[in-house]
Amino acid sequence: MKRAITYDQTIDIGYIYLLPVGIGTIKETIELDVNECVNVDIDKEGRVAGLELFAEETKVLKHAPVYEDELSLRFTDQEVLSTYHLSGIEFLFSTPDHEGLIGFTIVDPLRYNIKKKTRKNRFEWSKRFFQTIVSLH
C-alpha cells in the first residue's frame, strides 16, 4: 500500500496517512505518550489512521522513504534504538528516548485489513515479477 505523505515547510508540520485518504472517521487525536512532537489520529475502529509530526520530527519527511511495503515504512536506514507500540503499530525511533521517528511497522495486520502473504502468494508474486523481467529483455 502506497501511503500519502504531506509536508508544509512554511509551518513545519507533516502528516503520514497510514490508512488511505477518506477511509474511516477520526474519533480522536492523541499525543504520543513518549514523544510530544507526534500526534496520532485514531479512527472509530481504534486504528491509527495517520501521524501528524511537528518540530524536529518533521525532518524525516524531507527524505523519500528508503523502504516501504504493506506493513512498514522506513525513512532512513538508521539503527532502531527505541520502539513504542500503539493500536497494532510499532513506532521506530533513532534515539533511546523515543525521539527521531524513522518509521513504523504494522504488527497487527488483520486489524488494518492487510492479509498476510502466504508462501503460495509470495511464490505467485515472485513468478509474475520474474516473468515480467524476462519479457522485458
Protein backbone atom coordinates (compact mmCIF):
# COMPACT_ATOMS: atom_id res chain seq x y z
CA MET A 1 0.00 0.00 0.00
CA LYS A 2 1.46 3.36 -1.02
CA ARG A 3 1.00 5.91 1.73
CA ALA A 4 0.31 9.60 1.25
CA ILE A 5 2.77 11.91 2.97
CA THR A 6 2.42 15.67 3.19
CA TYR A 7 4.83 18.29 4.47
CA ASP A 8 4.23 22.03 4.84
CA GLN A 9 7.63 23.66 5.23
CA THR A 10 6.17 27.11 5.94
CA ILE A 11 4.72 25.91 9.27
CA ASP A 12 6.97 22.84 9.67
CA ILE A 13 4.18 20.26 10.01
CA GLY A 14 3.93 16.92 8.25
CA TYR A 15 1.35 14.17 8.01
CA ILE A 16 1.67 10.47 7.20
CA TYR A 17 -1.53 8.66 6.22
CA LEU A 18 -1.46 5.05 7.40
CA LEU A 19 -4.94 4.38 6.03
CA PRO A 20 -5.98 5.50 2.56
CA VAL A 21 -7.36 9.05 2.48
CA GLY A 22 -11.12 9.00 3.06
CA ILE A 23 -11.19 5.59 4.79
CA GLY A 24 -12.57 5.69 8.30
CA THR A 25 -13.66 8.52 10.52
CA ILE A 26 -11.24 10.09 13.00
CA LYS A 27 -12.54 9.53 16.53
CA GLU A 28 -9.74 11.26 18.42
CA THR A 29 -6.29 12.76 18.14
CA ILE A 30 -3.79 11.95 20.86
CA GLU A 31 -0.23 12.97 21.56
CA LEU A 32 2.12 10.00 21.54
CA ASP A 33 2.91 9.28 25.21
CA VAL A 34 6.65 9.12 24.59
CA ASN A 35 7.04 12.00 22.10
CA GLU A 36 5.09 15.27 22.23
CA CYS A 37 6.01 16.08 18.61
CA VAL A 38 3.98 13.16 17.22
CA ASN A 39 0.18 13.32 17.26
CA VAL A 40 -1.78 10.21 16.31
CA ASP A 41 -5.22 10.22 14.69
CA ILE A 42 -7.26 7.20 15.85
CA ASP A 43 -10.28 6.11 13.80
CA LYS A 44 -13.57 4.81 15.21
CA GLU A 45 -12.25 1.23 14.90
CA GLY A 46 -9.25 2.01 17.14
CA ARG A 47 -6.70 2.01 14.31
CA VAL A 48 -4.01 4.60 13.72
CA ALA A 49 -5.25 6.50 10.67
CA GLY A 50 -2.36 8.94 10.46
CA LEU A 51 0.52 10.69 12.16
CA GLU A 52 0.99 14.43 12.45
CA LEU A 53 4.61 15.43 13.00
CA PHE A 54 5.85 18.73 14.45
CA ALA A 55 9.16 20.49 15.03
CA GLU A 56 12.23 18.21 14.94
CA GLU A 57 10.20 15.14 13.93
CA THR A 58 9.34 16.67 10.53
CA LYS A 59 12.98 16.47 9.38
CA VAL A 60 12.49 12.83 8.41
CA LEU A 61 9.78 13.84 5.92
CA LYS A 62 12.28 15.76 3.83
CA HIS A 63 13.65 12.41 2.60
CA ALA A 64 11.98 9.85 0.39
CA PRO A 65 11.32 6.56 2.17
CA VAL A 66 14.16 4.06 1.86
CA TYR A 67 11.77 1.15 2.37
CA GLU A 68 8.01 0.74 2.16
CA ASP A 69 5.62 -2.18 1.88
CA GLU A 70 2.14 -3.02 3.16
CA LEU A 71 3.39 -3.46 6.72
CA SER A 72 6.17 -0.94 7.17
CA LEU A 73 7.67 2.37 6.24
CA ARG A 74 11.26 3.47 6.89
CA PHE A 75 12.62 6.92 6.10
CA THR A 76 16.23 6.13 6.96
CA ASP A 77 18.38 3.09 7.50
CA GLN A 78 19.45 4.32 10.93
CA GLU A 79 19.57 1.79 13.72
CA VAL A 80 16.35 1.50 15.74
CA LEU A 81 17.22 2.39 19.34
CA SER A 82 13.70 2.52 20.82
CA THR A 83 10.18 1.49 19.90
CA TYR A 84 6.67 2.27 21.10
CA HIS A 85 3.51 0.23 20.49
CA LEU A 86 0.03 1.70 19.98
CA SER A 87 -3.06 0.20 18.32
CA GLY A 88 -1.17 -2.52 16.44
CA ILE A 89 1.62 -0.20 15.27
CA GLU A 90 5.27 -0.32 16.34
CA PHE A 91 6.83 3.15 16.06
CA LEU A 92 10.58 3.14 15.41
CA PHE A 93 12.93 5.79 16.81
CA SER A 94 16.61 6.55 16.26
CA THR A 95 17.31 7.54 19.88
CA PRO A 96 16.88 5.64 23.16
CA ASP A 97 14.48 8.31 24.46
CA HIS A 98 11.88 7.95 21.65
CA GLU A 99 12.96 10.88 19.51
CA GLY A 100 13.85 10.83 15.85
CA LEU A 101 10.93 8.91 14.35
CA ILE A 102 12.36 6.88 11.48
CA GLY A 103 9.38 4.74 10.58
CA PHE A 104 6.81 2.24 11.75
CA THR A 105 5.68 -1.35 11.33
CA ILE A 106 2.11 -2.64 11.42
CA VAL A 107 2.38 -5.56 13.84
CA ASP A 108 -1.35 -6.41 13.77
CA PRO A 109 -2.10 -6.65 10.03
CA LEU A 110 -5.59 -8.10 10.46
CA ARG A 111 -6.64 -5.00 12.40
CA TYR A 112 -5.65 -2.94 9.36
CA ASN A 113 -7.31 -5.32 6.86
CA ILE A 114 -3.97 -6.42 5.47
CA LYS A 115 -3.81 -10.08 4.58
CA LYS A 116 -0.55 -11.75 5.46
CA LYS A 117 1.21 -13.04 2.40
CA THR A 118 1.27 -16.78 2.38
CA ARG A 119 4.13 -18.75 0.96
CA LYS A 120 2.00 -19.53 -2.12
CA ASN A 121 1.12 -15.84 -2.61
CA ARG A 122 4.80 -14.86 -2.37
CA PHE A 123 5.70 -17.57 -4.89
CA GLU A 124 2.99 -16.40 -7.31
CA TRP A 125 4.10 -12.76 -6.96
CA SER A 126 7.75 -13.73 -7.49
CA LYS A 127 6.83 -15.82 -10.52
CA ARG A 128 4.85 -12.92 -12.09
CA PHE A 129 7.68 -10.47 -11.32
CA PHE A 130 10.30 -12.79 -12.85
CA GLN A 131 8.15 -13.32 -15.96
CA THR A 132 7.80 -9.54 -16.35
CA ILE A 133 11.57 -9.06 -16.13
CA VAL A 134 12.23 -11.85 -18.63
CA SER A 135 9.66 -10.44 -21.09
CA LEU A 136 11.35 -7.01 -20.94
CA HIS A 137 14.64 -8.44 -22.20
